[in-house]
Amino acid sequence: MVELSVAESFPGNNNHMPGGPDVEPIVLVLANGARCSFAGGGTAMLAGQRLNYGCDNGGYLYGYPNKTATLWTISYAAPGSGASVSTPITTVYQ
């Protein structure tokens, strides 16, 4: 596993791996401090997106990171919440 951290933001197209595959992160750390790990197997859906990550604070991430902007974000549902919000990602592990 490789930790990728930057002072400002992540590139939007995986330029941190020149010539490498466009792979999804295994672990994400969010701006709210939650550390979220990939959830394999059958999971739930919310708003048409698969539950892809479970977080150490009891929350969940749906879909994959949005890498189109300078600041990566992902759909985060807080513990006990039936809705999700776009939340900034601060660190990824691939």
C-alpha atoms as a PDB file:
ATOM      1  CA  MET A   1       0.000   0.000   0.000  1.00  0.00           C
ATOM      2  CA  VAL A   2       1.271   3.483  -0.830  1.00  0.00           C
ATOM      3  CA  GLU A   3       0.175   6.620   1.047  1.00  0.00           C
ATOM      4  CA  LEU A   4      -0.393   9.673  -1.117  1.00  0.00           C
ATOM      5  CA  SER A   5      -0.598  13.019   0.673  1.00  0.00           C
ATOM      6  CA  VAL A   6      -0.141  16.471  -0.752  1.00  0.00           C
ATOM      7  CA  ALA A   7      -0.123  19.911   0.802  1.00  0.00           C
ATOM      8  CA  GLU A   8      -2.752  21.346  -1.538  1.00  0.00           C
ATOM      9  CA  SER A   9      -4.800  18.885  -3.604  1.00  0.00           C
ATOM     10  CA  PHE A  10      -4.669  15.700  -5.638  1.00  0.00           C
ATOM     11  CA  PRO A  11      -4.436  15.740  -9.423  1.00  0.00           C
ATOM     12  CA  GLY A  12      -7.726  14.970 -11.134  1.00  0.00           C
ATOM     13  CA  ASN A  13      -6.430  12.220 -13.420  1.00  0.00           C
ATOM     14  CA  ASN A  14      -4.063  10.081 -11.335  1.00  0.00           C
ATOM     15  CA  ASN A  15      -0.984  11.933 -12.604  1.00  0.00           C
ATOM     16  CA  HIS A  16       0.652  10.841  -9.338  1.00  0.00           C
ATOM     17  CA  MET A  17       1.159   7.506 -11.146  1.00  0.00           C
ATOM     18  CA  PRO A  18       2.577   8.470 -14.551  1.00  0.00           C
ATOM     19  CA  GLY A  19       1.804   5.708 -17.025  1.00  0.00           C
ATOM     20  CA  GLY A  20       0.044   3.736 -14.297  1.00  0.00           C
ATOM     21  CA  PRO A  21      -3.479   2.361 -14.286  1.00  0.00           C
ATOM     22  CA  ASP A  22      -6.434   4.405 -13.097  1.00  0.00           C
ATOM     23  CA  VAL A  23      -7.137   2.416  -9.920  1.00  0.00           C
ATOM     24  CA  GLU A  24      -9.491   3.276  -7.092  1.00  0.00           C
ATOM     25  CA  PRO A  25      -8.148   3.900  -3.565  1.00  0.00           C
ATOM     26  CA  ILE A  26      -8.234   1.169  -0.916  1.00  0.00           C
ATOM     27  CA  VAL A  27      -8.408   3.604   2.021  1.00  0.00           C
ATOM     28  CA  LEU A  28      -9.576   7.230   2.115  1.00  0.00           C
ATOM     29  CA  VAL A  29      -9.198   9.835   4.851  1.00  0.00           C
ATOM     30  CA  LEU A  30     -11.838  12.565   4.760  1.00  0.00           C
ATOM     31  CA  ALA A  31     -11.648  16.220   5.780  1.00  0.00           C
ATOM     32  CA  ASN A  32     -13.841  15.354   8.795  1.00  0.00           C
ATOM     33  CA  GLY A  33     -11.128  12.920  10.000  1.00  0.00           C
ATOM     34  CA  ALA A  34     -12.981   9.702   9.145  1.00  0.00           C
ATOM     35  CA  ARG A  35     -10.777   6.879   7.818  1.00  0.00           C
ATOM     36  CA  CYS A  36     -12.698   4.731   5.337  1.00  0.00           C
ATOM     37  CA  SER A  37     -11.762   1.311   3.902  1.00  0.00           C
ATOM     38  CA  PHE A  38     -13.051  -0.415   0.771  1.00  0.00           C
ATOM     39  CA  ALA A  39     -16.011  -2.742   1.391  1.00  0.00           C
ATOM     40  CA  GLY A  40     -15.949  -5.876  -0.761  1.00  0.00           C
ATOM     41  CA  GLY A  41     -18.811  -8.242  -1.479  1.00  0.00           C
ATOM     42  CA  GLY A  42     -22.478  -7.345  -1.643  1.00  0.00           C
ATOM     43  CA  THR A  43     -23.343  -3.979  -0.123  1.00  0.00           C
ATOM     44  CA  ALA A  44     -26.190  -1.449  -0.036  1.00  0.00           C
ATOM     45  CA  MET A  45     -27.184   1.279  -2.498  1.00  0.00           C
ATOM     46  CA  LEU A  46     -28.054   4.940  -1.929  1.00  0.00           C
ATOM     47  CA  ALA A  47     -29.270   7.254  -4.693  1.00  0.00           C
ATOM     48  CA  GLY A  48     -28.106   4.732  -7.313  1.00  0.00           C
ATOM     49  CA  GLN A  49     -24.576   4.480  -5.925  1.00  0.00           C
ATOM     50  CA  ARG A  50     -23.015   1.374  -4.341  1.00  0.00           C
ATOM     51  CA  LEU A  51     -21.777   1.515  -0.752  1.00  0.00           C
ATOM     52  CA  ASN A  52     -18.047   1.195  -1.485  1.00  0.00           C
ATOM     53  CA  TYR A  53     -16.368   2.178   1.796  1.00  0.00           C
ATOM     54  CA  GLY A  54     -17.067   1.806   5.513  1.00  0.00           C
ATOM     55  CA  CYS A  55     -15.640   4.431   7.872  1.00  0.00           C
ATOM     56  CA  ASP A  56     -14.149   4.101  11.355  1.00  0.00           C
ATOM     57  CA  ASN A  57     -16.730   6.578  12.704  1.00  0.00           C
ATOM     58  CA  GLY A  58     -19.694   4.452  11.527  1.00  0.00           C
ATOM     59  CA  GLY A  59     -20.322   6.418   8.333  1.00  0.00           C
ATOM     60  CA  TYR A  60     -20.296   5.147   4.744  1.00  0.00           C
ATOM     61  CA  LEU A  61     -19.007   6.304   1.355  1.00  0.00           C
ATOM     62  CA  TYR A  62     -21.053   5.727  -1.780  1.00  0.00           C
ATOM     63  CA  GLY A  63     -19.659   5.526  -5.298  1.00  0.00           C
ATOM     64  CA  TYR A  64     -16.025   6.356  -6.045  1.00  0.00           C
ATOM     65  CA  PRO A  65     -14.045   9.557  -5.554  1.00  0.00           C
ATOM     66  CA  ASN A  66     -14.884  12.400  -7.902  1.00  0.00           C
ATOM     67  CA  LYS A  67     -11.472  13.129  -9.446  1.00  0.00           C
ATOM     68  CA  THR A  68     -12.612  15.708 -12.001  1.00  0.00           C
ATOM     69  CA  ALA A  69     -11.785  18.722  -9.823  1.00  0.00           C
ATOM     70  CA  THR A  70      -8.543  19.715  -8.135  1.00  0.00           C
ATOM     71  CA  LEU A  71     -10.034  18.770  -4.758  1.00  0.00           C
ATOM     72  CA  TRP A  72     -11.250  15.150  -4.752  1.00  0.00           C
ATOM     73  CA  THR A  73     -14.608  14.505  -3.090  1.00  0.00           C
ATOM     74  CA  ILE A  74     -16.856  11.532  -2.375  1.00  0.00           C
ATOM     75  CA  SER A  75     -20.458  10.958  -1.302  1.00  0.00           C
ATOM     76  CA  TYR A  76     -20.440  10.516   2.508  1.00  0.00           C
ATOM     77  CA  ALA A  77     -23.346   9.408   4.715  1.00  0.00           C
ATOM     78  CA  ALA A  78     -22.847  10.167   8.417  1.00  0.00           C
ATOM     79  CA  PRO A  79     -23.747   7.487  10.977  1.00  0.00           C
ATOM     80  CA  GLY A  80     -27.522   7.102  11.176  1.00  0.00           C
ATOM     81  CA  SER A  81     -28.120   9.401   8.203  1.00  0.00           C
ATOM     82  CA  GLY A  82     -30.264   8.343   5.266  1.00  0.00           C
ATOM     83  CA  ALA A  83     -28.684  10.968   3.006  1.00  0.00           C
ATOM     84  CA  SER A  84     -25.194  11.654   1.731  1.00  0.00           C
ATOM     85  CA  VAL A  85     -23.198  14.818   1.090  1.00  0.00           C
ATOM     86  CA  SER A  86     -20.161  15.525  -1.067  1.00  0.00           C
ATOM     87  CA  THR A  87     -17.151  15.530   1.290  1.00  0.00           C
ATOM     88  CA  PRO A  88     -13.502  16.460   0.600  1.00  0.00           C
ATOM     89  CA  ILE A  89     -10.813  13.770   0.669  1.00  0.00           C
ATOM     90  CA  THR A  90      -7.482  14.660   2.302  1.00  0.00           C
ATOM     91  CA  THR A  91      -5.451  11.429   1.900  1.00  0.00           C
ATOM     92  CA  VAL A  92      -5.726   8.292  -0.243  1.00  0.00           C
ATOM     93  CA  TYR A  93      -4.001   4.916  -0.062  1.00  0.00           C
ATOM     94  CA  GLN A  94      -3.792   2.868  -3.255  1.00  0.00           C
END
